[in-house]
């Protein structure tokens, strides 16, 4: 790889990490607003609690399907889930 390409890869990695952190913070905020525990959300959505925890911590960047499933489990559409997300 050329140095220029390596820099672009590093920038994308940092961008993905920042997005995952922002999404995780938003998920936690919405989950708390709805009044669901992390354990209840994960069980109702069919995921391990540790997986949902890693998403909220920004360690994992979930798929669109996972985001949809979590939003649906919280009783909202994707539009409602992403309301206020910046």
C-alpha atoms as a PDB file:
ATOM      1  CA  UNK A   1       0.000   0.000   0.000  1.00  0.00           C
ATOM      2  CA  UNK A   2       1.092   3.504  -0.681  1.00  0.00           C
ATOM      3  CA  UNK A   3       1.411   5.889   2.252  1.00  0.00           C
ATOM      4  CA  UNK A   4      -1.472   7.971   0.905  1.00  0.00           C
ATOM      5  CA  UNK A   5      -3.754   4.927   0.896  1.00  0.00           C
ATOM      6  CA  UNK A   6      -2.668   3.952   4.413  1.00  0.00           C
ATOM      7  CA  UNK A   7      -3.588   7.435   5.632  1.00  0.00           C
ATOM      8  CA  UNK A   8      -7.021   7.121   4.034  1.00  0.00           C
ATOM      9  CA  UNK A   9      -7.538   3.737   5.683  1.00  0.00           C
ATOM     10  CA  UNK A  10      -6.570   5.212   9.048  1.00  0.00           C
ATOM     11  CA  UNK A  11      -8.969   8.130   8.536  1.00  0.00           C
ATOM     12  CA  UNK A  12     -11.821   5.746   7.698  1.00  0.00           C
ATOM     13  CA  UNK A  13     -11.015   3.628  10.748  1.00  0.00           C
ATOM     14  CA  UNK A  14     -11.154   6.691  13.006  1.00  0.00           C
ATOM     15  CA  UNK A  15     -14.355   7.851  11.342  1.00  0.00           C
ATOM     16  CA  UNK A  16     -15.951   4.423  11.881  1.00  0.00           C
ATOM     17  CA  UNK A  17     -14.885   4.413  15.545  1.00  0.00           C
ATOM     18  CA  UNK A  18     -16.325   7.896  16.087  1.00  0.00           C
ATOM     19  CA  UNK A  19     -19.596   6.882  14.432  1.00  0.00           C
ATOM     20  CA  UNK A  20     -19.834   3.679  16.503  1.00  0.00           C
ATOM     21  CA  UNK A  21     -19.305   5.701  19.694  1.00  0.00           C
ATOM     22  CA  UNK A  22     -21.937   8.263  18.693  1.00  0.00           C
ATOM     23  CA  UNK A  23     -24.425   5.528  17.758  1.00  0.00           C
ATOM     24  CA  UNK A  24     -23.774   3.680  21.016  1.00  0.00           C
ATOM     25  CA  UNK A  25     -24.315   6.833  23.059  1.00  0.00           C
ATOM     26  CA  UNK A  26     -27.560   7.443  21.193  1.00  0.00           C
ATOM     27  CA  UNK A  27     -28.771   3.880  21.750  1.00  0.00           C
ATOM     28  CA  UNK A  28     -28.092   4.187  25.484  1.00  0.00           C
ATOM     29  CA  UNK A  29     -29.917   7.530  25.644  1.00  0.00           C
ATOM     30  CA  UNK A  30     -32.971   6.167  23.807  1.00  0.00           C
ATOM     31  CA  UNK A  31     -32.976   2.932  25.815  1.00  0.00           C
ATOM     32  CA  UNK A  32     -32.881   4.846  29.093  1.00  0.00           C
ATOM     33  CA  UNK A  33     -35.610   7.219  27.901  1.00  0.00           C
ATOM     34  CA  UNK A  34     -37.857   4.236  27.142  1.00  0.00           C
ATOM     35  CA  UNK A  35     -36.994   2.743  30.538  1.00  0.00           C
ATOM     36  CA  UNK A  36     -35.563  -0.576  29.372  1.00  0.00           C
ATOM     37  CA  UNK A  37     -32.534  -2.154  30.940  1.00  0.00           C
ATOM     38  CA  UNK A  38     -29.709  -3.315  28.732  1.00  0.00           C
ATOM     39  CA  UNK A  39     -30.532  -6.883  29.705  1.00  0.00           C
ATOM     40  CA  UNK A  40     -34.235  -6.541  28.832  1.00  0.00           C
ATOM     41  CA  UNK A  41     -33.451  -4.911  25.486  1.00  0.00           C
ATOM     42  CA  UNK A  42     -30.940  -7.570  24.548  1.00  0.00           C
ATOM     43  CA  UNK A  43     -33.186 -10.457  25.557  1.00  0.00           C
ATOM     44  CA  UNK A  44     -36.250  -8.996  23.814  1.00  0.00           C
ATOM     45  CA  UNK A  45     -34.239  -8.340  20.628  1.00  0.00           C
ATOM     46  CA  UNK A  46     -32.565 -11.753  20.702  1.00  0.00           C
ATOM     47  CA  UNK A  47     -28.997 -10.617  21.363  1.00  0.00           C
ATOM     48  CA  UNK A  48     -26.524 -11.207  24.175  1.00  0.00           C
ATOM     49  CA  UNK A  49     -26.405  -8.446  26.774  1.00  0.00           C
ATOM     50  CA  UNK A  50     -22.671  -8.142  26.226  1.00  0.00           C
ATOM     51  CA  UNK A  51     -23.258  -7.474  22.511  1.00  0.00           C
ATOM     52  CA  UNK A  52     -25.668  -4.625  23.246  1.00  0.00           C
ATOM     53  CA  UNK A  53     -23.203  -3.362  25.861  1.00  0.00           C
ATOM     54  CA  UNK A  54     -20.370  -3.341  23.323  1.00  0.00           C
ATOM     55  CA  UNK A  55     -22.571  -1.414  20.883  1.00  0.00           C
ATOM     56  CA  UNK A  56     -23.376   1.162  23.568  1.00  0.00           C
ATOM     57  CA  UNK A  57     -19.688   1.467  24.425  1.00  0.00           C
ATOM     58  CA  UNK A  58     -18.847   2.105  20.770  1.00  0.00           C
ATOM     59  CA  UNK A  59     -16.804  -1.071  20.394  1.00  0.00           C
ATOM     60  CA  UNK A  60     -19.090  -2.564  17.732  1.00  0.00           C
ATOM     61  CA  UNK A  61     -20.675  -0.945  14.715  1.00  0.00           C
ATOM     62  CA  UNK A  62     -23.964  -2.830  14.229  1.00  0.00           C
ATOM     63  CA  UNK A  63     -25.580  -3.642  10.909  1.00  0.00           C
ATOM     64  CA  UNK A  64     -28.646  -1.801   9.663  1.00  0.00           C
ATOM     65  CA  UNK A  65     -30.719  -4.860  10.525  1.00  0.00           C
ATOM     66  CA  UNK A  66     -29.449  -4.876  14.107  1.00  0.00           C
ATOM     67  CA  UNK A  67     -30.259  -1.176  14.494  1.00  0.00           C
ATOM     68  CA  UNK A  68     -33.741  -1.784  13.063  1.00  0.00           C
ATOM     69  CA  UNK A  69     -34.280  -4.726  15.408  1.00  0.00           C
ATOM     70  CA  UNK A  70     -33.178  -2.767  18.476  1.00  0.00           C
ATOM     71  CA  UNK A  71     -35.363   0.201  17.501  1.00  0.00           C
ATOM     72  CA  UNK A  72     -38.334  -2.091  16.895  1.00  0.00           C
ATOM     73  CA  UNK A  73     -37.765  -3.737  20.280  1.00  0.00           C
ATOM     74  CA  UNK A  74     -37.776  -0.277  21.871  1.00  0.00           C
ATOM     75  CA  UNK A  75     -41.176   0.277  20.244  1.00  0.00           C
ATOM     76  CA  UNK A  76     -40.136   2.741  17.584  1.00  0.00           C
ATOM     77  CA  UNK A  77     -39.468   3.078  13.884  1.00  0.00           C
ATOM     78  CA  UNK A  78     -36.018   3.901  12.542  1.00  0.00           C
ATOM     79  CA  UNK A  79     -37.177   7.483  11.986  1.00  0.00           C
ATOM     80  CA  UNK A  80     -38.195   7.743  15.628  1.00  0.00           C
ATOM     81  CA  UNK A  81     -35.018   6.031  16.792  1.00  0.00           C
ATOM     82  CA  UNK A  82     -32.767   8.417  14.869  1.00  0.00           C
ATOM     83  CA  UNK A  83     -34.678  11.523  15.915  1.00  0.00           C
ATOM     84  CA  UNK A  84     -32.134  13.852  17.480  1.00  0.00           C
ATOM     85  CA  UNK A  85     -29.148  11.821  16.237  1.00  0.00           C
ATOM     86  CA  UNK A  86     -26.388  14.125  15.063  1.00  0.00           C
END
